Amino acid sequence: MGKLAKPQRSKKHKKIKSVESFYAGSRKNKRSEGLNQKPRDYNQEIPKKLRNLGLAIGGVREGKVGKKSKNKFHKHPDGPTGQQAPKPVVSSSKRPSPHQKEDIGKDKEKPREMNSATGGKKGSKSKISNEVFNDYVDNLQPARPFVAPFNFKKKTNETLKQFNQRVDNCANRALVKSKIDDHFDMSDEKKMLQKMTKLKKGMSEKKKQRLKEKKEKKAGAIKEKKLEKLQGFEALKDKVEFGETVHAPPLLTVIPKKAVASQDVDRPGRRMPELQAMIAANVRESEQLTRQPGQTVKRRDLSVFQQREADTKREMAIQAYRLMKKDIKQ
């Protein structure tokens, strides 16, 4: 008997028969209810992406939409103001000319031309001594030194696009930095005055002493708190030596609040004669108000509730009397 070959898979679609008895009728067609229906409107609808694109283009033209640039000096060409972006400045790799060197030397020596007597301002007396000024000028270094020209070189694994992008980024960075320095007046003269005034001011001895005392006081308070935490109930314990005897109970210097009050005990209320007089008057009034059995009280002395209660009782008594009189007549 020869070897049987592997049976080939048939291409015929095998339907899955429903095992569930309730899976019949309209339930079969539930998934395909809304499919293959005729269109509601025969006019073609504009795609959503195209509609959004049209709105975006219209917003850019009106100036409402525009890509915001992170760099405030580098404006987007599609922005609302319509200003074009500055072109990247790439300095050449050539050495500076002799004229440029002279200009650079002048810029370096510019802070030295300040008038030491006026501190750089006309018609104002300087508060800085000449010694401090001369010492500062001797050790002066320019805040914005001369930057050597860029010498870009393409790397081995760098594409031309990457090289151009790197050159553009470096040039824009240098341009933005120079604009910021000019905008905020970051000159050598201003920095010199700021530094010299700081050297002069300092802190007064009185303020130093006050800060020192405050610091010591704070450290002492922290130390006390730490000691309190460490102590706990140990400070409240009495040290009793071995064999020690007691011959009398302890003497109380302060009388407890719940102790029996007597006339001899000194109380805060008994020290004030005005308060004692008021208490005595109240006691006398209360004694007068208390009435004997059968004694009547005037209506004006009664409260509103007592008056109402007396009226109801009076009406009840009158009605009872009338009924009794009626029964007697009959």
Protein backbone atom coordinates (compact mmCIF):
# COMPACT_ATOMS: atom_id res chain seq x y z
CA MET A 1 0.00 0.00 0.00
CA GLY A 2 1.47 3.29 -1.08
CA LYS A 3 1.91 6.43 1.00
CA LEU A 4 -1.21 8.56 1.22
CA ALA A 5 -0.81 12.17 0.08
CA LYS A 6 -1.81 15.11 2.27
CA PRO A 7 -5.44 16.01 1.58
CA GLN A 8 -5.81 19.30 -0.30
CA ARG A 9 -7.83 22.13 1.24
CA SER A 10 -10.98 22.79 -0.74
CA LYS A 11 -11.86 26.29 -1.93
CA LYS A 12 -15.55 25.79 -1.31
CA HIS A 13 -16.98 28.12 1.35
CA LYS A 14 -18.24 26.17 4.33
CA LYS A 15 -21.19 27.87 5.95
CA ILE A 16 -21.41 27.86 9.71
CA LYS A 17 -24.71 26.44 10.80
CA SER A 18 -26.44 28.02 13.75
CA VAL A 19 -26.61 25.82 16.81
CA GLU A 20 -28.78 28.24 18.76
CA SER A 21 -32.46 27.52 18.17
CA PHE A 22 -33.48 31.19 18.72
CA TYR A 23 -31.06 32.48 16.03
CA ALA A 24 -33.68 32.73 13.28
CA GLY A 25 -35.89 35.25 11.54
CA SER A 26 -35.07 38.99 11.44
CA ARG A 27 -32.18 38.57 13.87
CA LYS A 28 -29.97 37.25 11.07
CA ASN A 29 -30.22 40.44 9.03
CA LYS A 30 -29.66 42.78 11.98
CA ARG A 31 -26.00 43.54 11.09
CA SER A 32 -26.79 44.47 7.47
CA GLU A 33 -29.80 46.69 8.07
CA GLY A 34 -28.27 50.08 7.11
CA LEU A 35 -26.02 48.81 4.31
CA ASN A 36 -26.49 49.24 0.55
CA GLN A 37 -29.21 51.87 0.87
CA LYS A 38 -30.00 54.51 -1.71
CA PRO A 39 -28.48 57.97 -1.00
CA ARG A 40 -30.62 60.57 0.76
CA ASP A 41 -29.19 63.45 -1.32
CA TYR A 42 -27.92 62.96 -4.88
CA ASN A 43 -25.60 66.00 -4.69
CA GLN A 44 -22.02 65.03 -3.82
CA GLU A 45 -20.93 66.11 -0.31
CA ILE A 46 -17.66 68.04 0.23
CA PRO A 47 -15.11 65.90 2.08
CA LYS A 48 -14.32 67.03 5.61
CA LYS A 49 -10.55 67.31 5.02
CA LEU A 50 -11.07 69.56 2.00
CA ARG A 51 -13.52 71.75 3.96
CA ASN A 52 -11.01 72.15 6.84
CA LEU A 53 -8.24 72.98 4.37
CA GLY A 54 -10.34 75.73 2.82
CA LEU A 55 -11.11 77.23 6.24
CA ALA A 56 -7.40 77.20 7.14
CA ILE A 57 -6.40 78.94 3.91
CA GLY A 58 -9.08 81.59 4.42
CA GLY A 59 -7.92 82.19 8.01
CA VAL A 60 -4.31 82.70 6.88
CA ARG A 61 -5.38 85.20 4.24
CA GLU A 62 -7.46 87.16 6.74
CA GLY A 63 -4.62 87.13 9.26
CA LYS A 64 -6.52 85.16 11.93
CA VAL A 65 -4.44 82.00 11.57
CA GLY A 66 -0.66 81.92 11.41
CA LYS A 67 2.11 79.71 12.65
CA LYS A 68 3.59 81.20 15.81
CA SER A 69 7.35 81.40 15.84
CA LYS A 70 9.18 80.64 19.10
CA ASN A 71 11.73 83.32 18.26
CA LYS A 72 10.19 86.79 18.51
CA PHE A 73 12.79 88.20 16.08
CA HIS A 74 12.14 85.48 13.51
CA LYS A 75 8.64 86.14 12.12
CA HIS A 76 6.71 83.69 9.99
CA PRO A 77 6.10 84.68 6.33
CA ASP A 78 2.41 83.67 6.60
CA GLY A 79 1.89 85.71 9.78
CA PRO A 80 -0.74 88.49 10.10
CA THR A 81 1.79 91.32 9.79
CA GLY A 82 3.13 89.94 6.52
CA GLN A 83 6.75 90.51 7.51
CA GLN A 84 9.21 88.23 5.86
CA ALA A 85 11.59 86.09 7.88
CA PRO A 86 15.14 87.43 8.07
CA LYS A 87 17.58 85.65 5.86
CA PRO A 88 20.28 83.62 7.64
CA VAL A 89 23.52 85.47 7.96
CA VAL A 90 26.60 83.32 7.46
CA SER A 91 29.83 85.13 8.15
CA SER A 92 32.73 84.33 5.90
CA SER A 93 35.77 82.42 7.01
CA LYS A 94 38.07 85.28 5.96
CA ARG A 95 40.15 87.05 8.57
CA PRO A 96 39.11 90.58 9.56
CA SER A 97 40.62 93.42 7.61
CA PRO A 98 42.95 95.97 9.25
CA HIS A 99 40.06 98.52 9.31
CA GLN A 100 37.89 96.02 11.17
CA LYS A 101 40.69 95.38 13.68
CA GLU A 102 40.88 99.12 14.41
CA ASP A 103 37.11 99.24 15.01
CA ILE A 104 37.33 96.24 17.32
CA GLY A 105 40.13 97.89 19.31
CA LYS A 106 38.01 101.04 19.66
CA ASP A 107 35.06 99.02 20.96
CA LYS A 108 37.27 97.32 23.54
CA GLU A 109 38.65 100.61 24.82
CA LYS A 110 35.24 102.31 24.90
CA PRO A 111 34.54 101.65 28.62
CA ARG A 112 37.89 103.26 29.53
CA GLU A 113 36.71 106.59 28.02
CA MET A 114 34.16 107.03 30.83
CA ASN A 115 34.61 110.04 33.05
CA SER A 116 35.64 108.77 36.47
CA ALA A 117 34.54 112.00 38.14
CA THR A 118 30.95 111.85 36.85
CA GLY A 119 30.50 108.08 36.58
CA GLY A 120 29.43 108.33 32.93
CA LYS A 121 26.69 110.99 33.42
CA LYS A 122 26.99 114.69 32.60
CA GLY A 123 26.41 117.22 35.35
CA SER A 124 26.24 114.67 38.20
CA LYS A 125 28.74 114.04 40.96
CA SER A 126 29.98 110.49 41.33
CA LYS A 127 29.42 108.58 44.58
CA ILE A 128 32.26 106.19 43.67
CA SER A 129 35.80 106.92 44.73
CA ASN A 130 38.60 107.16 42.16
CA GLU A 131 40.42 104.20 43.72
CA VAL A 132 37.47 101.86 43.21
CA PHE A 133 36.98 103.15 39.68
CA ASN A 134 40.65 102.73 38.72
CA ASP A 135 40.79 99.25 40.30
CA TYR A 136 37.73 98.20 38.31
CA VAL A 137 39.06 99.63 35.04
CA ASP A 138 42.42 97.85 35.49
CA ASN A 139 40.68 94.47 35.85
CA LEU A 140 38.05 95.23 33.22
CA GLN A 141 37.23 92.66 30.58
CA PRO A 142 34.76 93.39 27.79
CA ALA A 143 31.31 91.97 28.44
CA ARG A 144 30.79 91.35 24.74
CA PRO A 145 34.16 90.25 23.37
CA PHE A 146 34.90 90.04 19.69
CA VAL A 147 33.56 86.81 18.23
CA ALA A 148 35.82 85.21 15.68
CA PRO A 149 34.23 84.61 12.26
CA PHE A 150 32.54 81.26 11.80
CA ASN A 151 34.52 78.63 9.97
CA PHE A 152 32.07 75.91 8.99
CA LYS A 153 33.30 72.62 7.71
CA LYS A 154 31.16 69.81 6.35
CA LYS A 155 31.44 66.62 8.40
CA THR A 156 32.09 63.24 6.83
CA ASN A 157 28.69 61.67 7.58
CA GLU A 158 26.75 64.92 7.12
CA THR A 159 24.48 65.52 4.15
CA LEU A 160 24.35 68.84 2.34
CA LYS A 161 20.89 69.55 3.75
CA GLN A 162 22.07 68.92 7.35
CA PHE A 163 25.14 71.12 6.81
CA ASN A 164 23.03 74.02 5.47
CA GLN A 165 20.62 73.64 8.38
CA ARG A 166 23.46 73.74 10.93
CA VAL A 167 24.94 76.87 9.33
CA ASP A 168 21.50 78.52 9.29
CA ASN A 169 20.86 77.71 12.98
CA CYS A 170 24.25 79.03 14.16
CA ALA A 171 23.90 82.24 12.18
CA ASN A 172 20.35 82.89 13.40
CA ARG A 173 21.42 82.24 17.01
CA ALA A 174 24.21 84.82 16.76
CA LEU A 175 21.90 87.33 15.09
CA VAL A 176 19.19 86.94 17.75
CA LYS A 177 21.73 87.28 20.57
CA SER A 178 23.07 90.54 19.16
CA LYS A 179 19.53 91.91 18.74
CA ILE A 180 18.65 91.04 22.35
CA ASP A 181 21.82 92.75 23.61
CA ASP A 182 20.98 95.89 21.66
CA HIS A 183 17.34 95.82 22.79
CA PHE A 184 18.16 95.58 26.52
CA ASP A 185 21.19 97.92 26.29
CA MET A 186 23.73 95.33 27.43
CA SER A 187 26.69 97.70 27.16
CA ASP A 188 29.98 97.72 29.08
CA GLU A 189 29.25 101.15 30.62
CA LYS A 190 25.98 99.98 32.18
CA LYS A 191 27.54 96.79 33.57
CA MET A 192 30.46 98.76 35.03
CA LEU A 193 28.16 101.13 36.92
CA GLN A 194 26.04 98.25 38.24
CA LYS A 195 29.06 96.34 39.51
CA MET A 196 30.69 99.40 41.10
CA THR A 197 27.49 100.36 42.96
CA LYS A 198 27.21 96.80 44.28
CA LEU A 199 30.80 96.95 45.55
CA LYS A 200 30.07 100.20 47.36
CA LYS A 201 26.71 99.33 48.93
CA GLY A 202 27.24 96.03 50.77
CA MET A 203 25.44 95.45 54.10
CA SER A 204 25.54 97.76 57.11
CA GLU A 205 26.93 96.59 60.46
CA LYS A 206 23.62 97.27 62.19
CA LYS A 207 21.76 95.02 59.77
CA LYS A 208 24.37 92.29 60.14
CA GLN A 209 24.03 92.38 63.94
CA ARG A 210 20.22 92.26 63.72
CA LEU A 211 20.30 89.26 61.39
CA LYS A 212 22.79 87.50 63.65
CA GLU A 213 20.56 88.00 66.72
CA LYS A 214 17.52 86.77 64.80
CA LYS A 215 19.40 83.66 63.70
CA GLU A 216 20.56 82.88 67.26
CA LYS A 217 17.03 83.33 68.62
CA LYS A 218 15.62 80.96 66.02
CA ALA A 219 18.30 78.36 66.76
CA GLY A 220 17.55 78.59 70.51
CA ALA A 221 13.81 78.05 69.94
CA ILE A 222 14.48 74.98 67.78
CA LYS A 223 16.80 73.58 70.45
CA GLU A 224 14.17 74.04 73.19
CA LYS A 225 11.55 72.24 71.12
CA LYS A 226 13.88 69.31 70.58
CA LEU A 227 14.60 69.09 74.34
CA GLU A 228 10.86 69.10 75.14
CA LYS A 229 10.28 66.21 72.76
CA LEU A 230 13.11 64.21 74.30
CA GLN A 231 11.99 64.80 77.90
CA GLY A 232 8.37 63.58 77.83
CA PHE A 233 7.11 62.67 81.36
CA GLU A 234 10.59 62.22 82.84
CA ALA A 235 10.65 65.83 84.10
CA LEU A 236 7.41 65.27 86.11
CA LYS A 237 8.79 62.35 88.16
CA ASP A 238 9.82 62.87 91.79
CA LYS A 239 13.15 61.54 92.93
CA VAL A 240 12.50 59.46 96.08
CA GLU A 241 15.49 58.03 97.87
CA PHE A 242 15.43 54.54 99.34
CA GLY A 243 13.98 54.42 102.90
CA GLU A 244 12.54 57.94 102.77
CA THR A 245 9.35 58.45 104.85
CA VAL A 246 6.56 61.05 104.66
CA HIS A 247 5.11 62.59 107.86
CA ALA A 248 2.33 64.76 106.34
CA PRO A 249 0.35 65.16 103.13
CA PRO A 250 1.48 67.79 100.63
CA LEU A 251 0.34 71.39 101.10
CA LEU A 252 -1.82 72.80 98.29
CA THR A 253 -0.97 76.40 97.46
CA VAL A 254 -3.92 76.68 95.00
CA ILE A 255 -7.47 75.72 96.04
CA PRO A 256 -9.24 73.42 93.53
CA LYS A 257 -12.27 74.74 91.65
CA LYS A 258 -14.63 72.07 93.04
CA ALA A 259 -13.65 72.67 96.66
CA VAL A 260 -16.36 73.77 99.15
CA ALA A 261 -16.65 77.56 99.05
CA SER A 262 -16.40 79.43 102.33
CA GLN A 263 -16.41 83.11 103.29
CA ASP A 264 -12.74 83.05 104.26
CA VAL A 265 -11.57 81.85 100.84
CA ASP A 266 -10.43 84.67 98.59
CA ARG A 267 -12.38 84.67 95.33
CA PRO A 268 -12.15 87.08 92.37
CA GLY A 269 -15.85 88.06 92.66
CA ARG A 270 -15.53 89.04 96.32
CA ARG A 271 -12.78 91.57 95.66
CA MET A 272 -15.13 93.96 93.76
CA PRO A 273 -17.63 95.93 95.94
CA GLU A 274 -19.72 97.05 92.91
CA LEU A 275 -20.34 93.44 91.92
CA GLN A 276 -21.29 92.52 95.49
CA ALA A 277 -23.82 95.40 95.63
CA MET A 278 -25.44 94.28 92.35
CA ILE A 279 -25.72 90.69 93.58
CA ALA A 280 -27.35 91.83 96.84
CA ALA A 281 -29.90 93.97 94.93
CA ASN A 282 -30.81 91.04 92.69
CA VAL A 283 -31.31 88.82 95.75
CA ARG A 284 -33.67 91.38 97.31
CA GLU A 285 -35.74 91.68 94.11
CA SER A 286 -36.04 87.90 93.81
CA GLU A 287 -37.28 87.70 97.42
CA GLN A 288 -39.98 90.31 96.70
CA LEU A 289 -41.17 88.53 93.56
CA THR A 290 -41.70 85.22 95.34
CA ARG A 291 -45.38 85.34 96.54
CA GLN A 292 -47.20 83.41 99.18
CA PRO A 293 -49.99 80.87 98.36
CA GLY A 294 -53.21 82.72 97.50
CA GLN A 295 -51.41 86.01 96.87
CA THR A 296 -52.32 87.59 93.51
CA VAL A 297 -50.03 89.32 91.06
CA LYS A 298 -50.92 92.25 88.82
CA ARG A 299 -51.42 91.56 85.11
CA ARG A 300 -48.68 93.99 84.06
CA ASP A 301 -46.10 91.99 86.09
CA LEU A 302 -46.94 88.78 84.22
CA SER A 303 -45.18 87.69 81.03
CA VAL A 304 -47.01 87.37 77.69
CA PHE A 305 -47.25 83.60 78.01
CA GLN A 306 -48.61 83.85 81.58
CA GLN A 307 -51.19 86.45 80.48
CA ARG A 308 -52.39 84.21 77.64
CA GLU A 309 -52.62 81.23 79.98
CA ALA A 310 -54.60 83.27 82.55
CA ASP A 311 -57.03 84.43 79.84
CA THR A 312 -57.73 80.87 78.65
CA LYS A 313 -58.34 79.68 82.21
CA ARG A 314 -60.67 82.64 82.81
CA GLU A 315 -62.71 81.83 79.68
CA MET A 316 -62.95 78.17 80.70
CA ALA A 317 -64.16 79.16 84.19
CA ILE A 318 -66.82 81.50 82.72
CA GLN A 319 -68.11 78.80 80.35
CA ALA A 320 -68.27 76.25 83.19
CA TYR A 321 -70.19 78.73 85.37
CA ARG A 322 -72.74 79.45 82.59
CA LEU A 323 -73.35 75.74 81.99
CA MET A 324 -73.83 75.12 85.70
CA LYS A 325 -76.32 78.03 85.93
CA LYS A 326 -78.23 76.73 82.91
CA ASP A 327 -78.59 73.27 84.45
CA ILE A 328 -79.93 74.73 87.69
CA LYS A 329 -82.67 76.70 85.85
CA GLN A 330 -83.81 73.66 83.97
